[in-house]
Amino acid sequence: MLSRTFRLLLVACLVTSSVWAANDPFLGKWKVNPSKSKLTDEMKVEAAGANRYAITFAPGLVDTVVADGSDQPGLRGTTFSITVEGPNNWKVIRKQEGRTIIMANWTLSADGKTLTDAYTEYGPDGSTLSVHYVYERTAGSSGFLGTWDSVSEKVDSAIELEIQPYEGDGLSFDSPVAEMNKKIKFDGNDYPDRGPNVAPGYASSGRRMNERSLEITDKFKGKITGTRQIELSTDIKTLTMTVRLVGQSRPKSILVFDRE
């Protein structure tokens, strides 16, 4: 009798999970709407000694170097250098195995409230990608030291997101352009992030807030780095993903998707 009861309960759970998966309103393909989306980039520059600076690009991503123009150990096996070309001008270079992969010229405005970043990325095939960022000071009073926020980056219109069922009431999220590849069950446990460019130690957990709202918590080696709030409109034709990073005052991104 106990065995029969257990089987009946198991079948009921499987049926419930299947019905939930088939009717989950998040499922489907989504296309970003650039006109309704926004990206924010926050950078912090702090003193770390005599002519030495710690630059935080995101939680846990910090380069600490002496501003003498020399190549010094940087993030993820790169080298990083800062060359002071004037009181209001820095040249920043990142290299991978001796090859320049990023070059940026930072310029402060005369009043010290704005930082412009003439950024160029160099591909292994010789291609280049140039972006002109404009940052506004949100902390600090003079020089490059302080916190800088930019909303000048444009959202890539090629961003798509596909959401599929994953093991019962879980979901898989796949967005190559946005570098999001996750398979999560909403049981509070951590699930390793996936993809060829994901370093070991990155994982995510999730919970359903209600039938139209999810929260995903991103972690690195068990430490929380940020959250993603995913919400559906009442007509379930629009999905909004708000990404917040630990220690940053503004959302990293607010991406609005239309159902395809």
Protein backbone atom coordinates (compact mmCIF):
# COMPACT_ATOMS: atom_id res chain seq x y z
CA MET A 1 0.00 0.00 0.00
CA LEU A 2 2.79 2.39 0.85
CA SER A 3 4.54 1.61 -2.43
CA ARG A 4 1.32 2.17 -4.41
CA THR A 5 0.66 5.46 -2.59
CA PHE A 6 4.20 6.64 -3.29
CA ARG A 7 3.78 5.86 -7.01
CA LEU A 8 0.48 7.76 -7.13
CA LEU A 9 2.09 10.79 -5.48
CA LEU A 10 5.05 10.62 -7.84
CA VAL A 11 2.81 10.47 -10.90
CA ALA A 12 0.79 13.42 -9.58
CA CYS A 13 3.96 15.47 -9.11
CA LEU A 14 5.21 14.65 -12.62
CA VAL A 15 1.86 15.57 -14.16
CA THR A 16 1.79 18.86 -12.22
CA SER A 17 5.34 19.70 -13.33
CA SER A 18 4.52 18.90 -16.96
CA VAL A 19 1.41 21.07 -16.90
CA TRP A 20 3.38 23.92 -15.27
CA ALA A 21 6.14 23.66 -17.88
CA ALA A 22 3.68 23.63 -20.78
CA ASN A 23 1.87 26.74 -19.51
CA ASP A 24 4.80 28.71 -18.15
CA PRO A 25 4.29 32.26 -19.52
CA PHE A 26 8.07 32.89 -19.69
CA LEU A 27 8.62 30.26 -22.39
CA GLY A 28 9.38 31.35 -25.92
CA LYS A 29 11.69 33.52 -27.99
CA TRP A 30 12.19 37.19 -27.16
CA LYS A 31 13.74 40.05 -29.16
CA VAL A 32 15.22 43.12 -27.46
CA ASN A 33 13.62 46.52 -28.04
CA PRO A 34 16.61 48.94 -28.07
CA SER A 35 14.44 52.06 -27.83
CA LYS A 36 13.01 50.90 -24.49
CA SER A 37 16.23 49.41 -23.08
CA LYS A 38 19.14 51.06 -21.29
CA LEU A 39 22.71 50.15 -20.34
CA THR A 40 24.62 51.73 -17.47
CA ASP A 41 28.36 51.35 -16.99
CA GLU A 42 29.83 52.23 -13.59
CA MET A 43 33.55 52.55 -12.91
CA LYS A 44 35.40 53.42 -9.72
CA VAL A 45 38.92 54.85 -9.50
CA GLU A 46 40.54 54.77 -6.05
CA ALA A 47 43.98 55.64 -4.70
CA ALA A 48 46.00 52.57 -3.66
CA GLY A 49 49.33 54.18 -2.80
CA ALA A 50 51.81 56.61 -4.34
CA ASN A 51 50.82 57.00 -8.01
CA ARG A 52 49.00 53.65 -7.65
CA TYR A 53 45.34 53.18 -8.49
CA ALA A 54 42.65 50.52 -8.07
CA ILE A 55 40.10 50.59 -10.87
CA THR A 56 36.87 48.64 -10.36
CA PHE A 57 34.99 47.81 -13.55
CA ALA A 58 32.44 45.49 -11.88
CA PRO A 59 32.14 43.65 -8.54
CA GLY A 60 35.30 41.57 -8.11
CA LEU A 61 36.87 42.92 -11.31
CA VAL A 62 39.62 45.23 -10.07
CA ASP A 63 42.94 46.21 -11.67
CA THR A 64 45.50 47.70 -9.26
CA VAL A 65 48.52 49.24 -11.01
CA VAL A 66 51.13 51.99 -10.78
CA ALA A 67 50.47 54.70 -13.36
CA ASP A 68 53.92 54.61 -14.94
CA GLY A 69 53.04 53.28 -18.40
CA SER A 70 54.43 49.79 -17.79
CA ASP A 71 52.54 46.54 -18.37
CA GLN A 72 51.53 45.04 -15.02
CA PRO A 73 49.52 41.92 -14.04
CA GLY A 74 45.81 42.50 -14.61
CA LEU A 75 42.52 40.66 -14.64
CA ARG A 76 42.18 37.11 -15.98
CA GLY A 77 45.74 36.69 -17.16
CA THR A 78 46.01 40.05 -18.94
CA THR A 79 48.38 42.95 -18.37
CA PHE A 80 47.15 46.46 -17.69
CA SER A 81 48.88 49.82 -17.94
CA ILE A 82 48.09 53.47 -17.25
CA THR A 83 50.09 56.24 -18.88
CA VAL A 84 49.54 59.74 -17.51
CA GLU A 85 49.70 62.00 -20.57
CA GLY A 86 48.59 65.14 -18.76
CA PRO A 87 46.63 66.28 -15.67
CA ASN A 88 43.37 65.49 -17.47
CA ASN A 89 44.47 62.70 -19.80
CA TRP A 90 45.20 59.00 -19.22
CA LYS A 91 45.92 56.29 -21.75
CA VAL A 92 44.81 52.83 -20.62
CA ILE A 93 45.94 49.63 -22.37
CA ARG A 94 45.07 45.98 -21.74
CA LYS A 95 47.07 43.17 -23.38
CA GLN A 96 46.62 39.42 -23.68
CA GLU A 97 49.86 37.48 -24.19
CA GLY A 98 51.55 40.66 -25.38
CA ARG A 99 48.84 41.59 -27.89
CA THR A 100 46.84 44.79 -27.31
CA ILE A 101 43.18 43.91 -26.93
CA ILE A 102 41.87 47.20 -25.49
CA MET A 103 43.11 50.77 -25.72
CA ALA A 104 41.27 53.70 -24.17
CA ASN A 105 41.99 57.41 -23.91
CA TRP A 106 40.37 58.99 -20.86
CA THR A 107 39.84 62.74 -20.78
CA LEU A 108 38.46 64.84 -17.93
CA SER A 109 36.38 67.91 -18.63
CA ALA A 110 37.66 71.28 -17.39
CA ASP A 111 35.22 71.24 -14.47
CA GLY A 112 36.12 67.63 -13.55
CA LYS A 113 32.50 66.45 -13.74
CA THR A 114 32.70 64.47 -16.98
CA LEU A 115 35.02 61.74 -18.18
CA THR A 116 35.08 60.78 -21.86
CA ASP A 117 36.44 57.36 -22.86
CA ALA A 118 37.59 56.87 -26.47
CA TYR A 119 37.54 53.06 -26.31
CA THR A 120 38.90 50.69 -28.97
CA GLU A 121 38.76 46.89 -28.86
CA TYR A 122 41.13 44.86 -31.06
CA GLY A 123 40.07 41.43 -32.32
CA PRO A 124 42.52 38.56 -32.96
CA ASP A 125 41.74 38.86 -36.69
CA GLY A 126 42.84 42.50 -36.78
CA SER A 127 39.32 43.92 -36.62
CA THR A 128 38.53 46.86 -34.35
CA LEU A 129 35.48 48.08 -32.48
CA SER A 130 35.42 51.69 -31.30
CA VAL A 131 32.95 53.17 -28.82
CA HIS A 132 32.81 56.68 -27.38
CA TYR A 133 31.65 56.60 -23.75
CA VAL A 134 30.69 59.62 -21.66
CA TYR A 135 30.74 59.23 -17.87
CA GLU A 136 29.28 61.58 -15.28
CA ARG A 137 30.84 61.89 -11.83
CA THR A 138 28.63 60.51 -9.04
CA ALA A 139 31.28 60.49 -6.27
CA GLY A 140 34.59 62.21 -5.67
CA SER A 141 35.51 65.83 -6.19
CA SER A 142 38.57 66.17 -8.41
CA GLY A 143 40.84 64.33 -10.78
CA PHE A 144 40.16 60.80 -11.97
CA LEU A 145 39.47 59.55 -8.44
CA GLY A 146 35.79 58.86 -7.85
CA THR A 147 32.79 56.96 -9.17
CA TRP A 148 31.74 57.39 -12.79
CA ASP A 149 28.45 56.37 -14.43
CA SER A 150 27.71 56.22 -18.14
CA VAL A 151 24.41 55.69 -19.98
CA SER A 152 25.84 56.43 -23.43
CA GLU A 153 26.28 52.81 -24.58
CA LYS A 154 23.67 51.70 -27.12
CA VAL A 155 21.79 48.42 -26.76
CA ASP A 156 22.64 45.86 -29.46
CA SER A 157 19.52 45.27 -31.55
CA ALA A 158 20.71 41.69 -32.24
CA ILE A 159 20.08 40.55 -28.66
CA GLU A 160 17.62 37.68 -28.48
CA LEU A 161 16.62 35.51 -25.54
CA GLU A 162 15.20 32.00 -25.69
CA ILE A 163 13.56 30.50 -22.60
CA GLN A 164 12.81 26.78 -22.50
CA PRO A 165 11.65 24.28 -19.82
CA TYR A 166 14.30 22.68 -17.65
CA GLU A 167 13.65 19.66 -15.44
CA GLY A 168 10.05 20.21 -14.37
CA ASP A 169 9.39 23.76 -13.26
CA GLY A 170 12.94 24.97 -14.00
CA LEU A 171 13.91 27.18 -16.95
CA SER A 172 16.85 27.49 -19.33
CA PHE A 173 17.93 30.92 -20.55
CA ASP A 174 19.97 31.23 -23.75
CA SER A 175 21.15 34.55 -25.17
CA PRO A 176 24.52 34.29 -26.99
CA VAL A 177 24.85 38.03 -27.70
CA ALA A 178 24.06 38.93 -24.08
CA GLU A 179 26.33 36.07 -22.89
CA MET A 180 23.58 34.51 -20.79
CA ASN A 181 23.46 30.71 -20.69
CA LYS A 182 21.77 29.35 -17.58
CA LYS A 183 19.75 26.30 -16.59
CA ILE A 184 18.05 26.82 -13.23
CA LYS A 185 15.57 25.02 -11.03
CA PHE A 186 13.76 27.38 -8.67
CA ASP A 187 14.67 25.50 -5.50
CA GLY A 188 17.24 27.91 -4.02
CA ASN A 189 20.21 25.77 -5.06
CA ASP A 190 23.15 27.01 -7.12
CA TYR A 191 23.45 25.83 -10.74
CA PRO A 192 26.76 26.35 -12.62
CA ASP A 193 26.68 28.88 -15.45
CA ARG A 194 27.36 27.43 -18.88
CA GLY A 195 29.06 28.44 -22.08
CA PRO A 196 32.58 28.39 -23.58
CA ASN A 197 33.54 31.78 -22.11
CA VAL A 198 32.33 31.10 -18.56
CA ALA A 199 35.13 30.70 -16.01
CA PRO A 200 34.80 28.01 -13.30
CA GLY A 201 33.08 29.25 -10.14
CA TYR A 202 30.22 31.18 -11.72
CA ALA A 203 26.76 29.94 -10.72
CA SER A 204 23.18 31.12 -10.29
CA SER A 205 20.17 30.36 -8.13
CA GLY A 206 16.59 31.37 -8.73
CA ARG A 207 13.19 31.82 -7.17
CA ARG A 208 9.73 32.59 -8.48
CA MET A 209 8.37 35.75 -6.87
CA ASN A 210 4.92 35.25 -8.45
CA GLU A 211 3.48 33.93 -11.71
CA ARG A 212 4.95 36.84 -13.72
CA SER A 213 8.16 37.59 -11.82
CA LEU A 214 11.46 35.77 -11.32
CA GLU A 215 14.63 36.63 -9.44
CA ILE A 216 18.00 35.15 -10.39
CA THR A 217 21.00 35.60 -8.09
CA ASP A 218 24.42 35.45 -9.74
CA LYS A 219 27.43 34.25 -7.75
CA PHE A 220 31.15 33.70 -8.11
CA LYS A 221 32.67 31.04 -5.85
CA GLY A 222 29.64 31.32 -3.58
CA LYS A 223 29.76 35.11 -3.25
CA ILE A 224 26.82 37.12 -4.62
CA THR A 225 27.83 39.41 -7.49
CA GLY A 226 24.41 40.61 -8.64
CA THR A 227 20.76 39.89 -9.31
CA ARG A 228 18.44 39.74 -12.31
CA GLN A 229 14.79 40.69 -11.93
CA ILE A 230 12.72 39.24 -14.77
CA GLU A 231 9.14 40.45 -15.10
CA LEU A 232 6.35 39.91 -17.60
CA SER A 233 3.77 42.49 -18.58
CA THR A 234 0.15 41.73 -17.75
CA ASP A 235 -0.52 40.73 -21.37
CA ILE A 236 2.69 38.54 -21.26
CA LYS A 237 3.88 40.08 -24.54
CA THR A 238 6.78 42.01 -22.98
CA LEU A 239 9.61 40.78 -20.74
CA THR A 240 11.82 43.17 -18.75
CA MET A 241 15.16 42.06 -17.31
CA THR A 242 16.80 44.38 -14.77
CA VAL A 243 20.41 43.51 -13.90
CA ARG A 244 21.91 44.92 -10.71
CA LEU A 245 25.52 44.45 -9.59
CA VAL A 246 26.57 44.43 -5.93
CA GLY A 247 27.97 47.78 -4.84
CA GLN A 248 26.58 49.77 -7.76
CA SER A 249 23.89 52.39 -7.27
CA ARG A 250 22.18 52.03 -10.65
CA PRO A 251 21.04 48.96 -12.58
CA LYS A 252 23.74 47.63 -14.91
CA SER A 253 21.12 47.15 -17.58
CA ILE A 254 17.39 47.28 -18.16
CA LEU A 255 16.59 45.16 -21.21
CA VAL A 256 13.04 45.18 -22.56
CA PHE A 257 12.12 42.27 -24.84
CA ASP A 258 9.13 41.78 -27.13
CA ARG A 259 7.77 38.29 -27.68
CA GLU A 260 8.66 36.94 -31.13
